[in-house]
Amino acid sequence: MFTRTLPVAVLAVVACASVNAQQGQQGAPQSAPPVRTVWDGAYTDAQAERARPTFESRCTQCHTVSTEAGPGNGGPLVGDKFWKAFAQRSVGDMLRFVKKNMPNGAQTGSLPAETYNDLAALILNANGFPAGSVEVTPDAVADIQIQPKDGPGLLPAGVLVRVVGCLTRDGNDWVVVRATNPERIDSTGAGPTDATRPLGTRSMTLKFSITRLDRLQEQRVSVSGLLIGTDGILGINVSNVTRVAEKCP
């Protein structure tokens, strides 16, 4: 009996090919998971229908699920008011809002959790988003984005946002150049990655700042405030300006 051995050169080629194959598999770029949106179906028809009696008895004093204003100050939960409140947020954000604020005047979370889930489904249904096969729950809708069918779209005027960029002077105006796209936020102040995040190509005029900005000129700043005009075409009504880096390359 004898053992047949491969030539050393052949073994080396086989080993090299094996390593390269493993490296190719490990180094292959991982594609980002597709963004899920309300157009993929975030609720079921049965869930939306289940919410109607509760909405009629507990919510119609303030709201409607049509474009009509309704009897209370809450107004409609569809159309422009819906988009201003929730564009570029997640359905999870909307569900938390519903839990916190409805019914008006009641203790936060006073209704059963399942009832809030159903009410969120009714709001999605009333705004014309298609039904799916999975009901609204906090986990199921946490990352489902609320945006127009053709993409994120532009943020409406009056939305609280943050931009990061380089502060400079343009005549009588303070302007943030190389600014990031407006990012919708819930509270003012710098974000945790504002000092290092990639800058953008926008130019945003700062309006009504009560903070002296001279000392921040030519530095990297994080600006929070309300958009003036759609997507801030007329600038930002400033709430907060924070230096996040001394140099702004």
C-alpha atoms as a PDB file:
ATOM      1  CA  MET A   1       0.000   0.000   0.000  1.00  0.00           C
ATOM      2  CA  PHE A   2       1.304   3.431  -0.775  1.00  0.00           C
ATOM      3  CA  THR A   3       0.221   7.034  -0.326  1.00  0.00           C
ATOM      4  CA  ARG A   4       0.165   9.286  -3.350  1.00  0.00           C
ATOM      5  CA  THR A   5       1.328  12.848  -2.547  1.00  0.00           C
ATOM      6  CA  LEU A   6       0.658  15.946  -4.576  1.00  0.00           C
ATOM      7  CA  PRO A   7       3.546  18.123  -5.662  1.00  0.00           C
ATOM      8  CA  VAL A   8       4.317  21.017  -3.352  1.00  0.00           C
ATOM      9  CA  ALA A   9       3.511  23.565  -6.075  1.00  0.00           C
ATOM     10  CA  VAL A  10       0.047  22.086  -6.590  1.00  0.00           C
ATOM     11  CA  LEU A  11      -0.641  22.170  -2.858  1.00  0.00           C
ATOM     12  CA  ALA A  12       0.361  25.815  -2.732  1.00  0.00           C
ATOM     13  CA  VAL A  13      -1.994  26.700  -5.565  1.00  0.00           C
ATOM     14  CA  VAL A  14      -4.885  24.869  -3.909  1.00  0.00           C
ATOM     15  CA  ALA A  15      -4.236  26.562  -0.558  1.00  0.00           C
ATOM     16  CA  CYS A  16      -3.995  30.002  -2.188  1.00  0.00           C
ATOM     17  CA  ALA A  17      -7.244  29.475  -4.084  1.00  0.00           C
ATOM     18  CA  SER A  18      -8.979  28.418  -0.879  1.00  0.00           C
ATOM     19  CA  VAL A  19      -7.766  31.523   0.986  1.00  0.00           C
ATOM     20  CA  ASN A  20      -8.766  33.810  -1.879  1.00  0.00           C
ATOM     21  CA  ALA A  21     -12.228  32.261  -2.014  1.00  0.00           C
ATOM     22  CA  GLN A  22     -12.692  32.785   1.718  1.00  0.00           C
ATOM     23  CA  GLN A  23     -11.439  36.365   1.478  1.00  0.00           C
ATOM     24  CA  GLY A  24     -13.764  37.004  -1.440  1.00  0.00           C
ATOM     25  CA  GLN A  25     -16.719  35.777   0.555  1.00  0.00           C
ATOM     26  CA  GLN A  26     -15.733  37.766   3.629  1.00  0.00           C
ATOM     27  CA  GLY A  27     -14.881  40.919   1.684  1.00  0.00           C
ATOM     28  CA  ALA A  28     -18.004  40.983  -0.469  1.00  0.00           C
ATOM     29  CA  PRO A  29     -19.946  44.174   0.220  1.00  0.00           C
ATOM     30  CA  GLN A  30     -23.094  43.656   2.230  1.00  0.00           C
ATOM     31  CA  SER A  31     -26.062  45.335   0.613  1.00  0.00           C
ATOM     32  CA  ALA A  32     -28.167  47.448   2.954  1.00  0.00           C
ATOM     33  CA  PRO A  33     -31.620  46.048   3.662  1.00  0.00           C
ATOM     34  CA  PRO A  34     -34.343  47.826   1.691  1.00  0.00           C
ATOM     35  CA  VAL A  35     -36.144  50.620   3.515  1.00  0.00           C
ATOM     36  CA  ARG A  36     -39.654  49.595   4.466  1.00  0.00           C
ATOM     37  CA  THR A  37     -42.314  52.265   3.998  1.00  0.00           C
ATOM     38  CA  VAL A  38     -46.033  52.696   4.560  1.00  0.00           C
ATOM     39  CA  TRP A  39     -46.523  51.752   0.913  1.00  0.00           C
ATOM     40  CA  ASP A  40     -45.439  48.191   1.712  1.00  0.00           C
ATOM     41  CA  GLY A  41     -48.399  47.659   4.056  1.00  0.00           C
ATOM     42  CA  ALA A  42     -48.076  48.395   7.783  1.00  0.00           C
ATOM     43  CA  TYR A  43     -51.536  47.380   9.059  1.00  0.00           C
ATOM     44  CA  THR A  44     -54.487  45.182   8.158  1.00  0.00           C
ATOM     45  CA  ASP A  45     -57.958  46.204   7.015  1.00  0.00           C
ATOM     46  CA  ALA A  46     -59.506  44.269   9.897  1.00  0.00           C
ATOM     47  CA  GLN A  47     -57.383  46.198  12.397  1.00  0.00           C
ATOM     48  CA  ALA A  48     -58.397  49.569  10.955  1.00  0.00           C
ATOM     49  CA  GLU A  49     -62.074  48.605  11.075  1.00  0.00           C
ATOM     50  CA  ARG A  50     -61.702  47.445  14.653  1.00  0.00           C
ATOM     51  CA  ALA A  51     -60.642  50.970  15.627  1.00  0.00           C
ATOM     52  CA  ARG A  52     -63.670  52.785  14.218  1.00  0.00           C
ATOM     53  CA  PRO A  53     -66.011  52.389  17.220  1.00  0.00           C
ATOM     54  CA  THR A  54     -63.299  53.634  19.583  1.00  0.00           C
ATOM     55  CA  PHE A  55     -62.510  56.544  17.298  1.00  0.00           C
ATOM     56  CA  GLU A  56     -66.191  57.488  17.078  1.00  0.00           C
ATOM     57  CA  SER A  57     -66.659  57.389  20.843  1.00  0.00           C
ATOM     58  CA  ARG A  58     -63.346  58.787  22.077  1.00  0.00           C
ATOM     59  CA  CYS A  59     -61.715  60.852  19.318  1.00  0.00           C
ATOM     60  CA  THR A  60     -64.328  62.647  17.218  1.00  0.00           C
ATOM     61  CA  GLN A  61     -64.685  65.412  19.809  1.00  0.00           C
ATOM     62  CA  CYS A  62     -61.332  66.693  18.520  1.00  0.00           C
ATOM     63  CA  HIS A  63     -60.415  64.889  15.305  1.00  0.00           C
ATOM     64  CA  THR A  64     -61.686  63.579  12.002  1.00  0.00           C
ATOM     65  CA  VAL A  65     -60.279  61.000   9.614  1.00  0.00           C
ATOM     66  CA  SER A  66     -61.280  63.143   6.650  1.00  0.00           C
ATOM     67  CA  THR A  67     -60.105  66.522   5.398  1.00  0.00           C
ATOM     68  CA  GLU A  68     -62.945  68.246   7.282  1.00  0.00           C
ATOM     69  CA  ALA A  69     -61.834  70.327  10.246  1.00  0.00           C
ATOM     70  CA  GLY A  70     -64.136  68.717  12.806  1.00  0.00           C
ATOM     71  CA  PRO A  71     -65.575  70.163  16.031  1.00  0.00           C
ATOM     72  CA  GLY A  72     -62.422  70.362  18.159  1.00  0.00           C
ATOM     73  CA  ASN A  73     -58.997  71.952  17.921  1.00  0.00           C
ATOM     74  CA  GLY A  74     -57.284  68.708  16.947  1.00  0.00           C
ATOM     75  CA  GLY A  75     -58.355  68.895  13.334  1.00  0.00           C
ATOM     76  CA  PRO A  76     -58.065  66.202  10.682  1.00  0.00           C
ATOM     77  CA  LEU A  77     -55.629  63.318  10.976  1.00  0.00           C
ATOM     78  CA  VAL A  78     -55.213  63.114   7.215  1.00  0.00           C
ATOM     79  CA  GLY A  79     -53.761  65.203   4.420  1.00  0.00           C
ATOM     80  CA  ASP A  80     -51.470  68.162   4.990  1.00  0.00           C
ATOM     81  CA  LYS A  81     -51.697  68.042   8.770  1.00  0.00           C
ATOM     82  CA  PHE A  82     -50.707  64.371   8.803  1.00  0.00           C
ATOM     83  CA  TRP A  83     -47.722  64.974   6.525  1.00  0.00           C
ATOM     84  CA  LYS A  84     -46.539  67.969   8.521  1.00  0.00           C
ATOM     85  CA  ALA A  85     -46.645  65.933  11.710  1.00  0.00           C
ATOM     86  CA  PHE A  86     -45.163  62.679  10.475  1.00  0.00           C
ATOM     87  CA  ALA A  87     -43.311  63.038   7.142  1.00  0.00           C
ATOM     88  CA  GLN A  88     -39.942  61.268   7.342  1.00  0.00           C
ATOM     89  CA  ARG A  89     -40.820  59.763  10.711  1.00  0.00           C
ATOM     90  CA  SER A  90     -41.591  56.117  11.333  1.00  0.00           C
ATOM     91  CA  VAL A  91     -44.940  54.514  12.029  1.00  0.00           C
ATOM     92  CA  GLY A  92     -43.413  53.661  15.405  1.00  0.00           C
ATOM     93  CA  ASP A  93     -43.009  57.408  16.053  1.00  0.00           C
ATOM     94  CA  MET A  94     -46.639  57.976  15.104  1.00  0.00           C
ATOM     95  CA  LEU A  95     -47.807  55.187  17.408  1.00  0.00           C
ATOM     96  CA  ARG A  96     -45.903  56.697  20.332  1.00  0.00           C
ATOM     97  CA  PHE A  97     -47.470  60.092  19.568  1.00  0.00           C
ATOM     98  CA  VAL A  98     -50.957  58.590  19.562  1.00  0.00           C
ATOM     99  CA  LYS A  99     -50.308  56.875  22.899  1.00  0.00           C
ATOM    100  CA  LYS A 100     -48.981  60.072  24.447  1.00  0.00           C
ATOM    101  CA  ASN A 101     -51.629  62.489  23.205  1.00  0.00           C
ATOM    102  CA  MET A 102     -54.893  60.614  22.751  1.00  0.00           C
ATOM    103  CA  PRO A 103     -57.552  60.883  24.007  1.00  0.00           C
ATOM    104  CA  ASN A 104     -57.057  64.600  24.614  1.00  0.00           C
ATOM    105  CA  GLY A 105     -57.084  65.456  28.308  1.00  0.00           C
ATOM    106  CA  ALA A 106     -56.722  61.850  29.409  1.00  0.00           C
ATOM    107  CA  GLN A 107     -53.741  60.310  31.137  1.00  0.00           C
ATOM    108  CA  THR A 108     -50.988  59.170  28.768  1.00  0.00           C
ATOM    109  CA  GLY A 109     -51.592  55.590  27.720  1.00  0.00           C
ATOM    110  CA  SER A 110     -55.039  55.460  29.299  1.00  0.00           C
ATOM    111  CA  LEU A 111     -56.386  53.113  26.618  1.00  0.00           C
ATOM    112  CA  PRO A 112     -55.309  49.481  26.158  1.00  0.00           C
ATOM    113  CA  ALA A 113     -52.142  49.038  24.078  1.00  0.00           C
ATOM    114  CA  GLU A 114     -54.047  47.062  21.431  1.00  0.00           C
ATOM    115  CA  THR A 115     -56.512  49.938  21.051  1.00  0.00           C
ATOM    116  CA  TYR A 116     -53.698  52.381  20.300  1.00  0.00           C
ATOM    117  CA  ASN A 117     -52.305  49.947  17.741  1.00  0.00           C
ATOM    118  CA  ASP A 118     -55.720  49.811  16.072  1.00  0.00           C
ATOM    119  CA  LEU A 119     -56.093  53.606  16.069  1.00  0.00           C
ATOM    120  CA  ALA A 120     -52.720  53.938  14.336  1.00  0.00           C
ATOM    121  CA  ALA A 121     -53.957  51.456  11.727  1.00  0.00           C
ATOM    122  CA  LEU A 122     -57.087  53.564  11.166  1.00  0.00           C
ATOM    123  CA  ILE A 123     -54.986  56.710  10.639  1.00  0.00           C
ATOM    124  CA  LEU A 124     -52.834  54.912   8.059  1.00  0.00           C
ATOM    125  CA  ASN A 125     -55.952  53.599   6.327  1.00  0.00           C
ATOM    126  CA  ALA A 126     -57.563  57.053   6.263  1.00  0.00           C
ATOM    127  CA  ASN A 127     -54.464  58.487   4.575  1.00  0.00           C
ATOM    128  CA  GLY A 128     -54.730  56.016   1.720  1.00  0.00           C
ATOM    129  CA  PHE A 129     -51.803  53.750   2.514  1.00  0.00           C
ATOM    130  CA  PRO A 130     -52.380  50.145   1.441  1.00  0.00           C
ATOM    131  CA  ALA A 131     -53.106  47.407   3.937  1.00  0.00           C
ATOM    132  CA  GLY A 132     -50.744  44.507   4.449  1.00  0.00           C
ATOM    133  CA  SER A 133     -50.814  41.154   6.187  1.00  0.00           C
ATOM    134  CA  VAL A 134     -49.315  42.171   9.562  1.00  0.00           C
ATOM    135  CA  GLU A 135     -51.050  44.303  12.180  1.00  0.00           C
ATOM    136  CA  VAL A 136     -49.587  47.420  13.765  1.00  0.00           C
ATOM    137  CA  THR A 137     -47.564  46.641  16.890  1.00  0.00           C
ATOM    138  CA  PRO A 138     -44.615  48.618  18.329  1.00  0.00           C
ATOM    139  CA  ASP A 139     -42.067  46.063  17.102  1.00  0.00           C
ATOM    140  CA  ALA A 140     -43.656  45.514  13.697  1.00  0.00           C
ATOM    141  CA  VAL A 141     -43.729  49.205  12.719  1.00  0.00           C
ATOM    142  CA  ALA A 142     -40.647  50.536  14.522  1.00  0.00           C
ATOM    143  CA  ASP A 143     -38.687  51.153  11.318  1.00  0.00           C
ATOM    144  CA  ILE A 144     -41.464  51.546   8.727  1.00  0.00           C
ATOM    145  CA  GLN A 145     -40.994  54.999   7.206  1.00  0.00           C
ATOM    146  CA  ILE A 146     -43.749  57.509   6.458  1.00  0.00           C
ATOM    147  CA  GLN A 147     -42.917  59.082   3.119  1.00  0.00           C
ATOM    148  CA  PRO A 148     -44.467  59.779  -0.287  1.00  0.00           C
ATOM    149  CA  LYS A 149     -44.679  56.870  -2.691  1.00  0.00           C
ATOM    150  CA  ASP A 150     -41.840  58.140  -4.876  1.00  0.00           C
ATOM    151  CA  GLY A 151     -39.353  58.655  -2.040  1.00  0.00           C
ATOM    152  CA  PRO A 152     -38.686  60.659   1.120  1.00  0.00           C
ATOM    153  CA  GLY A 153     -39.691  63.938  -0.500  1.00  0.00           C
ATOM    154  CA  LEU A 154     -39.200  67.384   1.003  1.00  0.00           C
ATOM    155  CA  LEU A 155     -39.949  68.313   4.576  1.00  0.00           C
ATOM    156  CA  PRO A 156     -42.803  70.798   5.014  1.00  0.00           C
ATOM    157  CA  ALA A 157     -42.358  74.300   6.434  1.00  0.00           C
ATOM    158  CA  GLY A 158     -42.482  74.630  10.201  1.00  0.00           C
ATOM    159  CA  VAL A 159     -40.851  71.289  10.965  1.00  0.00           C
ATOM    160  CA  LEU A 160     -38.159  71.165  13.670  1.00  0.00           C
ATOM    161  CA  VAL A 161     -34.871  70.053  12.093  1.00  0.00           C
ATOM    162  CA  ARG A 162     -31.119  69.914  12.580  1.00  0.00           C
ATOM    163  CA  VAL A 163     -28.421  70.721  10.010  1.00  0.00           C
ATOM    164  CA  VAL A 164     -24.642  70.576  10.333  1.00  0.00           C
ATOM    165  CA  GLY A 165     -22.205  72.658   8.324  1.00  0.00           C
ATOM    166  CA  CYS A 166     -19.759  75.559   8.216  1.00  0.00           C
ATOM    167  CA  LEU A 167     -20.899  78.919   9.533  1.00  0.00           C
ATOM    168  CA  THR A 168     -20.030  81.906   7.374  1.00  0.00           C
ATOM    169  CA  ARG A 169     -21.207  85.410   6.610  1.00  0.00           C
ATOM    170  CA  ASP A 170     -22.999  86.384   3.411  1.00  0.00           C
ATOM    171  CA  GLY A 171     -23.656  90.114   3.446  1.00  0.00           C
ATOM    172  CA  ASN A 172     -26.013  90.727   6.355  1.00  0.00           C
ATOM    173  CA  ASP A 173     -26.937  87.075   6.732  1.00  0.00           C
ATOM    174  CA  TRP A 174     -25.358  84.218   8.609  1.00  0.00           C
ATOM    175  CA  VAL A 175     -25.310  81.123   6.423  1.00  0.00           C
ATOM    176  CA  VAL A 176     -24.400  77.484   7.002  1.00  0.00           C
ATOM    177  CA  VAL A 177     -22.604  76.215   3.899  1.00  0.00           C
ATOM    178  CA  ARG A 178     -21.742  72.618   3.057  1.00  0.00           C
ATOM    179  CA  ALA A 179     -24.802  71.866   5.134  1.00  0.00           C
ATOM    180  CA  THR A 180     -26.319  68.428   5.553  1.00  0.00           C
ATOM    181  CA  ASN A 181     -29.884  67.866   4.448  1.00  0.00           C
ATOM    182  CA  PRO A 182     -32.391  68.878   7.143  1.00  0.00           C
ATOM    183  CA  GLU A 183     -32.882  66.036   9.615  1.00  0.00           C
ATOM    184  CA  ARG A 184     -36.182  65.910  11.433  1.00  0.00           C
ATOM    185  CA  ILE A 185     -35.756  65.967  15.228  1.00  0.00           C
ATOM    186  CA  ASP A 186     -37.878  66.017  18.379  1.00  0.00           C
ATOM    187  CA  SER A 187     -35.714  68.314  20.527  1.00  0.00           C
ATOM    188  CA  THR A 188     -33.117  71.014  19.862  1.00  0.00           C
ATOM    189  CA  GLY A 189     -29.381  70.673  20.346  1.00  0.00           C
ATOM    190  CA  ALA A 190     -26.434  68.954  18.698  1.00  0.00           C
ATOM    191  CA  GLY A 191     -26.578  65.280  17.799  1.00  0.00           C
ATOM    192  CA  PRO A 192     -24.000  62.716  18.974  1.00  0.00           C
ATOM    193  CA  THR A 193     -22.293  62.390  15.563  1.00  0.00           C
ATOM    194  CA  ASP A 194     -22.435  66.024  14.430  1.00  0.00           C
ATOM    195  CA  ALA A 195     -18.683  66.583  14.927  1.00  0.00           C
ATOM    196  CA  THR A 196     -17.704  63.834  12.486  1.00  0.00           C
ATOM    197  CA  ARG A 197     -20.618  63.158  10.139  1.00  0.00           C
ATOM    198  CA  PRO A 198     -20.040  63.846   6.415  1.00  0.00           C
ATOM    199  CA  LEU A 199     -21.075  67.329   5.349  1.00  0.00           C
ATOM    200  CA  GLY A 200     -23.359  68.051   2.438  1.00  0.00           C
ATOM    201  CA  THR A 201     -23.864  70.540  -0.366  1.00  0.00           C
ATOM    202  CA  ARG A 202     -26.710  72.684   0.962  1.00  0.00           C
ATOM    203  CA  SER A 203     -26.605  76.356   1.904  1.00  0.00           C
ATOM    204  CA  MET A 204     -29.003  77.318   4.701  1.00  0.00           C
ATOM    205  CA  THR A 205     -29.671  80.902   5.794  1.00  0.00           C
ATOM    206  CA  LEU A 206     -30.075  81.393   9.536  1.00  0.00           C
ATOM    207  CA  LYS A 207     -32.911  83.668  10.621  1.00  0.00           C
ATOM    208  CA  PHE A 208     -33.890  85.241  13.937  1.00  0.00           C
ATOM    209  CA  SER A 209     -30.962  83.916  15.949  1.00  0.00           C
ATOM    210  CA  ILE A 210     -30.754  85.478  19.410  1.00  0.00           C
ATOM    211  CA  THR A 211     -27.243  84.082  19.884  1.00  0.00           C
ATOM    212  CA  ARG A 212     -24.220  86.135  18.808  1.00  0.00           C
ATOM    213  CA  LEU A 213     -22.617  84.125  16.046  1.00  0.00           C
ATOM    214  CA  ASP A 214     -19.423  86.102  15.401  1.00  0.00           C
ATOM    215  CA  ARG A 215     -17.343  83.835  17.653  1.00  0.00           C
ATOM    216  CA  LEU A 216     -18.473  80.778  15.672  1.00  0.00           C
ATOM    217  CA  GLN A 217     -17.591  82.094  12.221  1.00  0.00           C
ATOM    218  CA  GLU A 218     -15.809  79.590   9.949  1.00  0.00           C
ATOM    219  CA  GLN A 219     -16.384  76.809  12.462  1.00  0.00           C
ATOM    220  CA  ARG A 220     -18.386  73.617  12.228  1.00  0.00           C
ATOM    221  CA  VAL A 221     -21.790  74.089  13.847  1.00  0.00           C
ATOM    222  CA  SER A 222     -24.956  72.160  14.515  1.00  0.00           C
ATOM    223  CA  VAL A 223     -28.088  74.260  14.010  1.00  0.00           C
ATOM    224  CA  SER A 224     -31.574  73.396  15.248  1.00  0.00           C
ATOM    225  CA  GLY A 225     -34.703  75.288  14.297  1.00  0.00           C
ATOM    226  CA  LEU A 226     -37.903  75.448  12.275  1.00  0.00           C
ATOM    227  CA  LEU A 227     -37.836  75.265   8.497  1.00  0.00           C
ATOM    228  CA  ILE A 228     -38.915  78.440   6.726  1.00  0.00           C
ATOM    229  CA  GLY A 229     -40.537  77.339   3.488  1.00  0.00           C
ATOM    230  CA  THR A 230     -40.623  73.809   2.129  1.00  0.00           C
ATOM    231  CA  ASP A 231     -37.380  71.991   2.995  1.00  0.00           C
ATOM    232  CA  GLY A 232     -35.992  75.280   4.324  1.00  0.00           C
ATOM    233  CA  ILE A 233     -35.808  77.040   0.973  1.00  0.00           C
ATOM    234  CA  LEU A 234     -36.056  80.383   2.837  1.00  0.00           C
ATOM    235  CA  GLY A 235     -33.837  79.320   5.716  1.00  0.00           C
ATOM    236  CA  ILE A 236     -34.131  78.170   9.318  1.00  0.00           C
ATOM    237  CA  ASN A 237     -35.799  79.998  12.191  1.00  0.00           C
ATOM    238  CA  VAL A 238     -32.988  79.309  14.656  1.00  0.00           C
ATOM    239  CA  SER A 239     -33.556  77.777  18.074  1.00  0.00           C
ATOM    240  CA  ASN A 240     -30.027  76.606  18.869  1.00  0.00           C
ATOM    241  CA  VAL A 241     -26.523  76.919  17.402  1.00  0.00           C
ATOM    242  CA  THR A 242     -23.767  74.744  18.849  1.00  0.00           C
ATOM    243  CA  ARG A 243     -20.106  74.591  17.826  1.00  0.00           C
ATOM    244  CA  VAL A 244     -19.180  70.941  17.304  1.00  0.00           C
ATOM    245  CA  ALA A 245     -15.648  71.447  15.892  1.00  0.00           C
ATOM    246  CA  GLU A 246     -13.281  74.405  15.787  1.00  0.00           C
ATOM    247  CA  LYS A 247     -12.248  73.848  12.199  1.00  0.00           C
ATOM    248  CA  CYS A 248     -14.534  73.348   9.265  1.00  0.00           C
ATOM    249  CA  PRO A 249     -12.557  71.930   6.336  1.00  0.00           C
END
